Amino acid sequence: MAVADKRAFPRRKKRFLVDVITDGGTSSGFTIDLSHTGVFVQSARFPRMGDPVTIRLHVSDKSVIELKGTAVRAKRVPPALAFSEPNGFSLQISGYSEEYFKLLTALEQSSTSSKIAAPRSS
């Protein structure tokens, strides 16, 4: 039996390329899911928990959204599970970004409209 998601801000699954910027340098990764308060980033490199992190979210070839926050969780899986479960970390977003809010709103609307427009099976 599946447990209902009771988050105040539901997660939206979407894959975007990101640059992960920490005191240790810059690396690349991909988003797994996004919400109004955070982002889970699939990455081979992990920031230290509690450290400040900036990510640049590549929404399109011409659009990049920069988000600042704190690394709050890391998920490391054994190599045998790497294809089914992502290694990565959670970024708790600090502050507010109008561009990011608009992106999430668009993702929510496209998710809702695809559910409405889905054909019914007979």
Protein backbone atom coordinates (compact mmCIF):
# COMPACT_ATOMS: atom_id res chain seq x y z
CA MET A 1 0.00 0.00 0.00
CA ALA A 2 1.49 3.34 -1.10
CA VAL A 3 1.83 6.15 1.42
CA ALA A 4 0.37 9.49 0.32
CA ASP A 5 2.84 12.36 -0.03
CA LYS A 6 1.87 14.92 2.63
CA ARG A 7 4.53 17.51 1.84
CA ALA A 8 3.44 21.15 1.90
CA PHE A 9 5.37 21.62 -1.35
CA PRO A 10 5.22 18.50 -3.53
CA ARG A 11 8.25 17.45 -5.52
CA ARG A 12 8.29 17.65 -9.31
CA LYS A 13 10.46 15.15 -11.15
CA LYS A 14 12.44 16.91 -13.85
CA ARG A 15 15.95 16.46 -15.17
CA PHE A 16 17.98 19.64 -15.68
CA LEU A 17 21.74 19.98 -16.00
CA VAL A 18 23.24 21.84 -13.03
CA ASP A 19 26.59 23.31 -12.11
CA VAL A 20 27.31 22.69 -8.43
CA ILE A 21 29.49 25.40 -6.90
CA THR A 22 31.10 24.95 -3.48
CA ASP A 23 34.27 26.18 -1.76
CA GLY A 24 35.90 23.04 -3.18
CA GLY A 25 35.22 24.03 -6.78
CA THR A 26 32.63 23.41 -9.47
CA SER A 27 31.19 20.10 -10.64
CA SER A 28 28.22 19.00 -12.74
CA GLY A 29 25.09 17.05 -11.95
CA PHE A 30 21.42 16.65 -12.80
CA THR A 31 18.26 17.42 -10.90
CA ILE A 32 16.11 14.46 -9.92
CA ASP A 33 13.28 16.39 -8.32
CA LEU A 34 12.48 19.97 -7.41
CA SER A 35 10.19 21.68 -4.91
CA HIS A 36 9.67 25.20 -3.61
CA THR A 37 12.03 24.54 -0.72
CA GLY A 38 14.70 22.29 -2.21
CA VAL A 39 16.32 20.33 -5.02
CA PHE A 40 17.74 16.79 -5.11
CA VAL A 41 20.85 16.76 -7.30
CA GLN A 42 22.37 13.59 -8.75
CA SER A 43 26.12 14.04 -8.56
CA ALA A 44 29.33 12.06 -8.22
CA ARG A 45 30.73 14.74 -5.87
CA PHE A 46 29.08 15.63 -2.59
CA PRO A 47 29.33 18.88 -0.67
CA ARG A 48 29.80 18.57 3.08
CA MET A 49 26.52 18.64 4.95
CA GLY A 50 25.78 22.11 6.26
CA ASP A 51 28.03 23.81 3.71
CA PRO A 52 26.71 26.61 1.50
CA VAL A 53 26.12 25.53 -2.11
CA THR A 54 25.17 27.42 -5.25
CA ILE A 55 23.64 25.61 -8.19
CA ARG A 56 23.13 26.95 -11.68
CA LEU A 57 20.08 25.26 -13.16
CA HIS A 58 20.29 25.08 -16.96
CA VAL A 59 16.62 25.35 -17.93
CA SER A 60 17.39 25.79 -21.63
CA ASP A 61 20.30 26.75 -23.87
CA LYS A 62 19.76 30.40 -23.00
CA SER A 63 18.17 30.28 -19.55
CA VAL A 64 20.05 29.61 -16.30
CA ILE A 65 18.58 30.01 -12.82
CA GLU A 66 21.00 30.40 -9.91
CA LEU A 67 19.90 29.06 -6.53
CA LYS A 68 21.74 29.33 -3.22
CA GLY A 69 21.24 27.08 -0.26
CA THR A 70 22.67 24.55 2.15
CA ALA A 71 23.52 20.88 1.62
CA VAL A 72 21.23 19.05 4.05
CA ARG A 73 21.28 15.39 3.03
CA ALA A 74 23.45 12.98 1.04
CA LYS A 75 22.38 9.71 -0.53
CA ARG A 76 25.10 7.24 -1.44
CA VAL A 77 24.14 3.91 -2.96
CA PRO A 78 26.28 0.86 -3.71
CA PRO A 79 27.64 0.67 -7.28
CA ALA A 80 25.33 -2.25 -8.05
CA LEU A 81 22.29 0.02 -7.51
CA ALA A 82 23.67 3.10 -9.28
CA PHE A 83 21.41 2.62 -12.33
CA SER A 84 18.21 2.33 -10.32
CA GLU A 85 18.92 4.67 -7.39
CA PRO A 86 20.75 7.97 -7.83
CA ASN A 87 23.70 9.11 -5.75
CA GLY A 88 23.20 12.71 -4.82
CA PHE A 89 22.47 15.37 -2.27
CA SER A 90 19.60 17.58 -1.19
CA LEU A 91 19.92 21.34 -1.34
CA GLN A 92 17.69 23.35 0.97
CA ILE A 93 17.07 26.59 -0.89
CA SER A 94 17.56 29.85 0.98
CA GLY A 95 15.89 33.00 -0.22
CA TYR A 96 13.43 33.39 -3.06
CA SER A 97 13.86 33.31 -6.83
CA GLU A 98 11.05 34.60 -9.01
CA GLU A 99 12.44 32.69 -12.02
CA TYR A 100 12.54 29.42 -10.06
CA PHE A 101 9.00 29.97 -8.75
CA LYS A 102 7.77 30.51 -12.32
CA LEU A 103 9.56 27.33 -13.46
CA LEU A 104 7.88 25.26 -10.72
CA THR A 105 4.50 26.79 -11.55
CA ALA A 106 4.96 25.85 -15.21
CA LEU A 107 5.96 22.30 -14.24
CA GLU A 108 2.91 21.98 -11.99
CA GLN A 109 0.61 23.25 -14.73
CA SER A 110 2.07 20.90 -17.33
CA SER A 111 1.71 17.99 -14.91
CA THR A 112 -1.92 18.88 -14.20
CA SER A 113 -2.83 19.38 -17.87
CA SER A 114 -1.23 16.08 -18.89
CA LYS A 115 -3.34 14.29 -16.26
CA ILE A 116 -6.49 16.00 -17.54
CA ALA A 117 -5.68 15.36 -21.20
CA ALA A 118 -4.69 11.72 -20.71
CA PRO A 119 -6.91 9.42 -22.78
CA ARG A 120 -9.08 7.00 -20.92
CA SER A 121 -8.63 3.33 -21.56
CA SER A 122 -11.69 1.32 -22.48
